[in-house]
């Protein structure tokens, strides 16, 4: 049975979600947009770097997975923060 999403994309998604979470924490939850931009830019730079390393290939799909992983974490953080502030009966 073939996988719908390649495992490496799932790993990129998860790793860059964690990276975004660490940046969010480091920025004290005040600059969520930077917590997305920094890991996404790092992922793009990493893929560019890999294109210059013999035996490695660059895959734009990895940058997309990186950006989506970071965005997923930030969306979950936002949803949780809204849920936490909801009025309680």
PDB file of N, CA and C in Angstrom:
ATOM      1  N   UNK A   1       0.846  -1.172   0.000  1.00  0.00           N
ATOM      2  CA  UNK A   1       0.000   0.000   0.000  1.00  0.00           C
ATOM      3  C   UNK A   1       0.893   1.238   0.000  1.00  0.00           C
ATOM      4  N   UNK A   2       0.676   2.091  -0.963  1.00  0.00           N
ATOM      5  CA  UNK A   2       1.478   3.317  -1.089  1.00  0.00           C
ATOM      6  C   UNK A   2       0.951   4.380  -0.136  1.00  0.00           C
ATOM      7  N   UNK A   3       1.876   5.124   0.434  1.00  0.00           N
ATOM      8  CA  UNK A   3       1.516   6.212   1.338  1.00  0.00           C
ATOM      9  C   UNK A   3       1.054   7.417   0.522  1.00  0.00           C
ATOM     10  N   UNK A   4       0.021   8.097   0.992  1.00  0.00           N
ATOM     11  CA  UNK A   4      -0.492   9.276   0.303  1.00  0.00           C
ATOM     12  C   UNK A   4       0.484  10.438   0.463  1.00  0.00           C
ATOM     13  N   UNK A   5       1.029  10.607   1.672  1.00  0.00           N
ATOM     14  CA  UNK A   5       1.995  11.664   1.959  1.00  0.00           C
ATOM     15  C   UNK A   5       3.328  11.001   2.272  1.00  0.00           C
ATOM     16  N   UNK A   6       4.395  11.366   1.549  1.00  0.00           N
ATOM     17  CA  UNK A   6       5.697  10.763   1.840  1.00  0.00           C
ATOM     18  C   UNK A   6       6.128  11.036   3.286  1.00  0.00           C
ATOM     19  N   UNK A   7       6.764  10.058   3.893  1.00  0.00           N
ATOM     20  CA  UNK A   7       7.166  10.149   5.291  1.00  0.00           C
ATOM     21  C   UNK A   7       8.067  11.353   5.540  1.00  0.00           C
ATOM     22  N   UNK A   8       8.943  11.685   4.599  1.00  0.00           N
ATOM     23  CA  UNK A   8       9.850  12.812   4.835  1.00  0.00           C
ATOM     24  C   UNK A   8       9.083  14.125   4.968  1.00  0.00           C
ATOM     25  N   UNK A   9       7.962  14.255   4.281  1.00  0.00           N
ATOM     26  CA  UNK A   9       7.155  15.485   4.402  1.00  0.00           C
ATOM     27  C   UNK A   9       6.514  15.568   5.784  1.00  0.00           C
ATOM     28  N   UNK A  10       6.070  14.428   6.305  1.00  0.00           N
ATOM     29  CA  UNK A  10       5.489  14.388   7.643  1.00  0.00           C
ATOM     30  C   UNK A  10       6.558  14.741   8.677  1.00  0.00           C
ATOM     31  N   UNK A  11       7.764  14.247   8.482  1.00  0.00           N
ATOM     32  CA  UNK A  11       8.860  14.565   9.405  1.00  0.00           C
ATOM     33  C   UNK A  11       9.215  16.053   9.351  1.00  0.00           C
ATOM     34  N   UNK A  12       9.255  16.616   8.146  1.00  0.00           N
ATOM     35  CA  UNK A  12       9.501  18.057   8.012  1.00  0.00           C
ATOM     36  C   UNK A  12       8.391  18.836   8.717  1.00  0.00           C
ATOM     37  N   UNK A  13       7.140  18.440   8.485  1.00  0.00           N
ATOM     38  CA  UNK A  13       5.992  19.101   9.086  1.00  0.00           C
ATOM     39  C   UNK A  13       6.101  19.101  10.610  1.00  0.00           C
ATOM     40  N   UNK A  14       6.390  17.962  11.172  1.00  0.00           N
ATOM     41  CA  UNK A  14       6.493  17.854  12.630  1.00  0.00           C
ATOM     42  C   UNK A  14       7.676  18.615  13.201  1.00  0.00           C
ATOM     43  N   UNK A  15       8.825  18.466  12.570  1.00  0.00           N
ATOM     44  CA  UNK A  15      10.035  19.126  13.078  1.00  0.00           C
ATOM     45  C   UNK A  15       9.900  20.646  13.035  1.00  0.00           C
ATOM     46  N   UNK A  16       9.354  21.171  11.959  1.00  0.00           N
ATOM     47  CA  UNK A  16       9.231  22.622  11.849  1.00  0.00           C
ATOM     48  C   UNK A  16       8.063  23.155  12.675  1.00  0.00           C
ATOM     49  N   UNK A  17       7.106  22.303  12.997  1.00  0.00           N
ATOM     50  CA  UNK A  17       6.084  22.685  13.967  1.00  0.00           C
ATOM     51  C   UNK A  17       6.706  22.861  15.343  1.00  0.00           C
ATOM     52  N   UNK A  18       7.569  21.931  15.723  1.00  0.00           N
ATOM     53  CA  UNK A  18       8.280  22.045  17.005  1.00  0.00           C
ATOM     54  C   UNK A  18       9.167  23.285  17.001  1.00  0.00           C
ATOM     55  N   UNK A  19       9.871  23.505  15.901  1.00  0.00           N
ATOM     56  CA  UNK A  19      10.737  24.675  15.797  1.00  0.00           C
ATOM     57  C   UNK A  19       9.927  25.973  15.945  1.00  0.00           C
ATOM     58  N   UNK A  20       8.773  26.045  15.326  1.00  0.00           N
ATOM     59  CA  UNK A  20       7.914  27.231  15.466  1.00  0.00           C
ATOM     60  C   UNK A  20       7.458  27.396  16.911  1.00  0.00           C
ATOM     61  N   UNK A  21       7.141  26.285  17.568  1.00  0.00           N
ATOM     62  CA  UNK A  21       6.743  26.350  18.976  1.00  0.00           C
ATOM     63  C   UNK A  21       7.858  26.872  19.862  1.00  0.00           C
ATOM     64  N   UNK A  22       9.076  26.449  19.579  1.00  0.00           N
ATOM     65  CA  UNK A  22      10.213  26.943  20.352  1.00  0.00           C
ATOM     66  C   UNK A  22      10.437  28.432  20.116  1.00  0.00           C
ATOM     67  N   UNK A  23      10.286  28.864  18.865  1.00  0.00           N
ATOM     68  CA  UNK A  23      10.421  30.297  18.576  1.00  0.00           C
ATOM     69  C   UNK A  23       9.296  31.088  19.241  1.00  0.00           C
ATOM     70  N   UNK A  24       8.097  30.542  19.218  1.00  0.00           N
ATOM     71  CA  UNK A  24       6.969  31.214  19.857  1.00  0.00           C
ATOM     72  C   UNK A  24       7.249  31.409  21.344  1.00  0.00           C
ATOM     73  N   UNK A  25       7.766  30.382  21.975  1.00  0.00           N
ATOM     74  CA  UNK A  25       8.110  30.445  23.392  1.00  0.00           C
ATOM     75  C   UNK A  25       9.248  31.438  23.626  1.00  0.00           C
ATOM     76  N   UNK A  26      10.272  31.389  22.780  1.00  0.00           N
ATOM     77  CA  UNK A  26      11.417  32.286  22.926  1.00  0.00           C
ATOM     78  C   UNK A  26      11.016  33.748  22.737  1.00  0.00           C
ATOM     79  N   UNK A  27      10.056  33.978  21.883  1.00  0.00           N
ATOM     80  CA  UNK A  27       9.591  35.345  21.630  1.00  0.00           C
ATOM     81  C   UNK A  27       8.499  35.762  22.618  1.00  0.00           C
ATOM     82  N   UNK A  28       8.297  34.937  23.637  1.00  0.00           N
ATOM     83  CA  UNK A  28       7.336  35.200  24.709  1.00  0.00           C
ATOM     84  C   UNK A  28       5.914  35.418  24.190  1.00  0.00           C
ATOM     85  N   UNK A  29       5.559  34.694  23.154  1.00  0.00           N
ATOM     86  CA  UNK A  29       4.200  34.660  22.609  1.00  0.00           C
ATOM     87  C   UNK A  29       3.719  36.012  22.079  1.00  0.00           C
ATOM     88  N   UNK A  30       4.644  36.933  21.845  1.00  0.00           N
ATOM     89  CA  UNK A  30       4.247  38.263  21.378  1.00  0.00           C
ATOM     90  C   UNK A  30       4.403  38.446  19.879  1.00  0.00           C
ATOM     91  N   UNK A  31       5.191  37.636  19.236  1.00  0.00           N
ATOM     92  CA  UNK A  31       5.484  37.811  17.813  1.00  0.00           C
ATOM     93  C   UNK A  31       5.238  36.498  17.064  1.00  0.00           C
ATOM     94  N   UNK A  32       3.983  36.093  17.008  1.00  0.00           N
ATOM     95  CA  UNK A  32       3.648  34.816  16.368  1.00  0.00           C
ATOM     96  C   UNK A  32       4.045  34.808  14.900  1.00  0.00           C
ATOM     97  N   UNK A  33       3.932  35.935  14.229  1.00  0.00           N
ATOM     98  CA  UNK A  33       4.297  35.968  12.807  1.00  0.00           C
ATOM     99  C   UNK A  33       5.782  35.673  12.631  1.00  0.00           C
ATOM    100  N   UNK A  34       6.626  36.119  13.568  1.00  0.00           N
ATOM    101  CA  UNK A  34       8.058  35.797  13.480  1.00  0.00           C
ATOM    102  C   UNK A  34       8.307  34.325  13.768  1.00  0.00           C
ATOM    103  N   UNK A  35       7.492  33.755  14.645  1.00  0.00           N
ATOM    104  CA  UNK A  35       7.627  32.330  14.963  1.00  0.00           C
ATOM    105  C   UNK A  35       7.276  31.466  13.762  1.00  0.00           C
ATOM    106  N   UNK A  36       6.590  32.029  12.776  1.00  0.00           N
ATOM    107  CA  UNK A  36       6.341  31.324  11.519  1.00  0.00           C
ATOM    108  C   UNK A  36       7.428  31.666  10.491  1.00  0.00           C
ATOM    109  N   UNK A  37       7.778  32.942  10.398  1.00  0.00           N
ATOM    110  CA  UNK A  37       8.744  33.393   9.386  1.00  0.00           C
ATOM    111  C   UNK A  37      10.133  32.786   9.576  1.00  0.00           C
ATOM    112  N   UNK A  38      10.609  32.732  10.810  1.00  0.00           N
ATOM    113  CA  UNK A  38      11.978  32.262  11.047  1.00  0.00           C
ATOM    114  C   UNK A  38      12.147  30.799  10.639  1.00  0.00           C
ATOM    115  N   UNK A  39      11.301  29.864  11.111  1.00  0.00           N
ATOM    116  CA  UNK A  39      11.476  28.471  10.666  1.00  0.00           C
ATOM    117  C   UNK A  39      11.262  28.293   9.164  1.00  0.00           C
ATOM    118  N   UNK A  40      10.313  29.036   8.595  1.00  0.00           N
ATOM    119  CA  UNK A  40      10.055  28.918   7.162  1.00  0.00           C
ATOM    120  C   UNK A  40      11.256  29.399   6.359  1.00  0.00           C
ATOM    121  N   UNK A  41      11.835  30.528   6.759  1.00  0.00           N
ATOM    122  CA  UNK A  41      13.035  31.034   6.079  1.00  0.00           C
ATOM    123  C   UNK A  41      14.202  30.073   6.265  1.00  0.00           C
ATOM    124  N   UNK A  42      14.335  29.504   7.455  1.00  0.00           N
ATOM    125  CA  UNK A  42      15.398  28.538   7.695  1.00  0.00           C
ATOM    126  C   UNK A  42      15.230  27.311   6.803  1.00  0.00           C
ATOM    127  N   UNK A  43      13.987  26.839   6.652  1.00  0.00           N
ATOM    128  CA  UNK A  43      13.719  25.693   5.779  1.00  0.00           C
ATOM    129  C   UNK A  43      14.079  25.993   4.335  1.00  0.00           C
ATOM    130  N   UNK A  44      13.739  27.195   3.878  1.00  0.00           N
ATOM    131  CA  UNK A  44      14.080  27.593   2.501  1.00  0.00           C
ATOM    132  C   UNK A  44      15.593  27.678   2.331  1.00  0.00           C
ATOM    133  N   UNK A  45      16.262  28.266   3.304  1.00  0.00           N
ATOM    134  CA  UNK A  45      17.728  28.356   3.242  1.00  0.00           C
ATOM    135  C   UNK A  45      18.353  26.969   3.255  1.00  0.00           C
ATOM    136  N   UNK A  46      17.830  26.070   4.068  1.00  0.00           N
ATOM    137  CA  UNK A  46      18.360  24.705   4.148  1.00  0.00           C
ATOM    138  C   UNK A  46      18.216  23.986   2.811  1.00  0.00           C
ATOM    139  N   UNK A  47      17.074  24.142   2.163  1.00  0.00           N
ATOM    140  CA  UNK A  47      16.887  23.506   0.853  1.00  0.00           C
ATOM    141  C   UNK A  47      17.824  24.120  -0.186  1.00  0.00           C
ATOM    142  N   UNK A  48      18.008  25.429  -0.145  1.00  0.00           N
ATOM    143  CA  UNK A  48      18.956  26.074  -1.060  1.00  0.00           C
ATOM    144  C   UNK A  48      20.360  25.529  -0.816  1.00  0.00           C
ATOM    145  N   UNK A  49      20.734  25.418   0.457  1.00  0.00           N
ATOM    146  CA  UNK A  49      22.058  24.894   0.810  1.00  0.00           C
ATOM    147  C   UNK A  49      22.224  23.470   0.302  1.00  0.00           C
ATOM    148  N   UNK A  50      21.206  22.651   0.464  1.00  0.00           N
ATOM    149  CA  UNK A  50      21.285  21.261   0.009  1.00  0.00           C
ATOM    150  C   UNK A  50      21.489  21.170  -1.503  1.00  0.00           C
ATOM    151  N   UNK A  51      21.004  22.163  -2.233  1.00  0.00           N
ATOM    152  CA  UNK A  51      21.172  22.128  -3.691  1.00  0.00           C
ATOM    153  C   UNK A  51      22.638  22.286  -4.096  1.00  0.00           C
ATOM    154  N   UNK A  52      23.468  22.753  -3.183  1.00  0.00           N
ATOM    155  CA  UNK A  52      24.890  22.949  -3.459  1.00  0.00           C
ATOM    156  C   UNK A  52      25.774  21.870  -2.842  1.00  0.00           C
ATOM    157  N   UNK A  53      25.172  20.891  -2.181  1.00  0.00           N
ATOM    158  CA  UNK A  53      25.932  19.825  -1.533  1.00  0.00           C
ATOM    159  C   UNK A  53      25.895  18.591  -2.423  1.00  0.00           C
ATOM    160  N   UNK A  54      27.075  18.075  -2.798  1.00  0.00           N
ATOM    161  CA  UNK A  54      27.101  16.875  -3.642  1.00  0.00           C
ATOM    162  C   UNK A  54      26.370  15.706  -2.970  1.00  0.00           C
ATOM    163  N   UNK A  55      25.550  15.042  -3.745  1.00  0.00           N
ATOM    164  CA  UNK A  55      24.802  13.897  -3.248  1.00  0.00           C
ATOM    165  C   UNK A  55      23.477  14.250  -2.589  1.00  0.00           C
ATOM    166  N   UNK A  56      23.176  15.530  -2.459  1.00  0.00           N
ATOM    167  CA  UNK A  56      21.909  15.973  -1.863  1.00  0.00           C
ATOM    168  C   UNK A  56      21.070  16.639  -2.936  1.00  0.00           C
ATOM    169  N   UNK A  57      19.780  16.623  -2.730  1.00  0.00           N
ATOM    170  CA  UNK A  57      18.879  17.295  -3.662  1.00  0.00           C
ATOM    171  C   UNK A  57      18.008  18.274  -2.887  1.00  0.00           C
ATOM    172  N   UNK A  58      17.537  19.269  -3.589  1.00  0.00           N
ATOM    173  CA  UNK A  58      16.665  20.265  -3.006  1.00  0.00           C
ATOM    174  C   UNK A  58      15.234  19.959  -3.439  1.00  0.00           C
ATOM    175  N   UNK A  59      14.298  20.052  -2.511  1.00  0.00           N
ATOM    176  CA  UNK A  59      12.906  19.759  -2.827  1.00  0.00           C
ATOM    177  C   UNK A  59      12.022  20.894  -2.319  1.00  0.00           C
ATOM    178  N   UNK A  60      11.427  21.668  -3.214  1.00  0.00           N
ATOM    179  CA  UNK A  60      10.539  22.757  -2.780  1.00  0.00           C
ATOM    180  C   UNK A  60       9.373  22.255  -1.926  1.00  0.00           C
ATOM    181  N   UNK A  61       8.987  21.011  -2.123  1.00  0.00           N
ATOM    182  CA  UNK A  61       7.919  20.428  -1.302  1.00  0.00           C
ATOM    183  C   UNK A  61       8.294  20.373   0.165  1.00  0.00           C
ATOM    184  N   UNK A  62       9.591  20.256   0.459  1.00  0.00           N
ATOM    185  CA  UNK A  62      10.034  20.264   1.845  1.00  0.00           C
ATOM    186  C   UNK A  62       9.803  21.634   2.482  1.00  0.00           C
ATOM    187  N   UNK A  63      10.025  22.688   1.714  1.00  0.00           N
ATOM    188  CA  UNK A  63       9.786  24.048   2.237  1.00  0.00           C
ATOM    189  C   UNK A  63       8.295  24.233   2.517  1.00  0.00           C
ATOM    190  N   UNK A  64       7.457  23.708   1.651  1.00  0.00           N
ATOM    191  CA  UNK A  64       6.008  23.791   1.867  1.00  0.00           C
ATOM    192  C   UNK A  64       5.632  23.035   3.139  1.00  0.00           C
ATOM    193  N   UNK A  65       6.191  21.832   3.313  1.00  0.00           N
ATOM    194  CA  UNK A  65       5.910  21.050   4.522  1.00  0.00           C
ATOM    195  C   UNK A  65       6.406  21.783   5.765  1.00  0.00           C
ATOM    196  N   UNK A  66       7.566  22.425   5.671  1.00  0.00           N
ATOM    197  CA  UNK A  66       8.106  23.198   6.793  1.00  0.00           C
ATOM    198  C   UNK A  66       7.153  24.334   7.169  1.00  0.00           C
ATOM    199  N   UNK A  67       6.728  25.090   6.165  1.00  0.00           N
ATOM    200  CA  UNK A  67       5.837  26.232   6.400  1.00  0.00           C
ATOM    201  C   UNK A  67       4.492  25.771   6.966  1.00  0.00           C
ATOM    202  N   UNK A  68       3.969  24.665   6.454  1.00  0.00           N
ATOM    203  CA  UNK A  68       2.695  24.147   6.953  1.00  0.00           C
ATOM    204  C   UNK A  68       2.818  23.619   8.378  1.00  0.00           C
ATOM    205  N   UNK A  69       3.940  23.002   8.689  1.00  0.00           N
ATOM    206  CA  UNK A  69       4.163  22.536  10.063  1.00  0.00           C
ATOM    207  C   UNK A  69       4.194  23.691  11.039  1.00  0.00           C
ATOM    208  N   UNK A  70       4.909  24.751  10.678  1.00  0.00           N
ATOM    209  CA  UNK A  70       4.970  25.933  11.533  1.00  0.00           C
ATOM    210  C   UNK A  70       3.587  26.564  11.663  1.00  0.00           C
ATOM    211  N   UNK A  71       2.864  26.667  10.562  1.00  0.00           N
ATOM    212  CA  UNK A  71       1.529  27.268  10.589  1.00  0.00           C
ATOM    213  C   UNK A  71       0.557  26.428  11.415  1.00  0.00           C
ATOM    214  N   UNK A  72       0.663  25.122  11.341  1.00  0.00           N
ATOM    215  CA  UNK A  72      -0.220  24.242  12.112  1.00  0.00           C
ATOM    216  C   UNK A  72      -0.024  24.458  13.605  1.00  0.00           C
ATOM    217  N   UNK A  73       1.237  24.494  14.024  1.00  0.00           N
ATOM    218  CA  UNK A  73       1.508  24.713  15.449  1.00  0.00           C
ATOM    219  C   UNK A  73       0.944  26.053  15.897  1.00  0.00           C
ATOM    220  N   UNK A  74       1.166  27.097  15.108  1.00  0.00           N
ATOM    221  CA  UNK A  74       0.680  28.426  15.488  1.00  0.00           C
ATOM    222  C   UNK A  74      -0.845  28.482  15.504  1.00  0.00           C
ATOM    223  N   UNK A  75      -1.486  27.785  14.579  1.00  0.00           N
ATOM    224  CA  UNK A  75      -2.956  27.736  14.565  1.00  0.00           C
ATOM    225  C   UNK A  75      -3.477  27.013  15.803  1.00  0.00           C
ATOM    226  N   UNK A  76      -2.817  25.935  16.194  1.00  0.00           N
ATOM    227  CA  UNK A  76      -3.221  25.208  17.401  1.00  0.00           C
ATOM    228  C   UNK A  76      -3.011  26.070  18.644  1.00  0.00           C
ATOM    229  N   UNK A  77      -1.883  26.789  18.692  1.00  0.00           N
ATOM    230  CA  UNK A  77      -1.620  27.681  19.827  1.00  0.00           C
ATOM    231  C   UNK A  77      -2.703  28.762  19.904  1.00  0.00           C
ATOM    232  N   UNK A  78      -3.042  29.350  18.766  1.00  0.00           N
ATOM    233  CA  UNK A  78      -4.065  30.396  18.737  1.00  0.00           C
ATOM    234  C   UNK A  78      -5.417  29.845  19.206  1.00  0.00           C
ATOM    235  N   UNK A  79      -5.797  28.682  18.682  1.00  0.00           N
ATOM    236  CA  UNK A  79      -7.081  28.073  19.052  1.00  0.00           C
ATOM    237  C   UNK A  79      -7.115  27.774  20.549  1.00  0.00           C
ATOM    238  N   UNK A  80      -6.018  27.266  21.083  1.00  0.00           N
ATOM    239  CA  UNK A  80      -5.960  26.977  22.511  1.00  0.00           C
ATOM    240  C   UNK A  80      -6.063  28.251  23.340  1.00  0.00           C
ATOM    241  N   UNK A  81      -5.398  29.317  22.897  1.00  0.00           N
ATOM    242  CA  UNK A  81      -5.443  30.565  23.656  1.00  0.00           C
ATOM    243  C   UNK A  81      -6.857  31.164  23.635  1.00  0.00           C
ATOM    244  N   UNK A  82      -7.562  31.032  22.514  1.00  0.00           N
ATOM    245  CA  UNK A  82      -8.953  31.505  22.441  1.00  0.00           C
ATOM    246  C   UNK A  82      -9.837  30.649  23.343  1.00  0.00           C
ATOM    247  N   UNK A  83      -9.637  29.340  23.312  1.00  0.00           N
ATOM    248  CA  UNK A  83     -10.423  28.411  24.132  1.00  0.00           C
ATOM    249  C   UNK A  83     -10.199  28.698  25.616  1.00  0.00           C
ATOM    250  N   UNK A  84      -8.952  28.992  25.979  1.00  0.00           N
ATOM    251  CA  UNK A  84      -8.630  29.261  27.376  1.00  0.00           C
ATOM    252  C   UNK A  84      -9.290  30.541  27.890  1.00  0.00           C
ATOM    253  N   UNK A  85      -9.490  31.509  27.010  1.00  0.00           N
ATOM    254  CA  UNK A  85     -10.071  32.794  27.410  1.00  0.00           C
ATOM    255  C   UNK A  85     -11.594  32.822  27.329  1.00  0.00           C
ATOM    256  N   UNK A  86     -12.201  31.730  26.893  1.00  0.00           N
ATOM    257  CA  UNK A  86     -13.654  31.718  26.720  1.00  0.00           C
ATOM    258  C   UNK A  86     -14.336  31.907  28.070  1.00  0.00           C
ATOM    259  N   UNK A  87     -15.516  32.522  28.065  1.00  0.00           N
ATOM    260  CA  UNK A  87     -16.254  32.683  29.329  1.00  0.00           C
ATOM    261  C   UNK A  87     -16.724  31.316  29.827  1.00  0.00           C
ATOM    262  N   UNK A  88     -16.583  31.120  31.073  1.00  0.00           N
ATOM    263  CA  UNK A  88     -17.004  29.838  31.682  1.00  0.00           C
ATOM    264  C   UNK A  88     -18.327  30.058  32.421  1.00  0.00           C
ATOM    265  N   UNK A  89     -19.200  29.066  32.359  1.00  0.00           N
ATOM    266  CA  UNK A  89     -20.506  29.204  33.045  1.00  0.00           C
ATOM    267  C   UNK A  89     -20.359  29.162  34.559  1.00  0.00           C
TER     268      UNK A  89
END
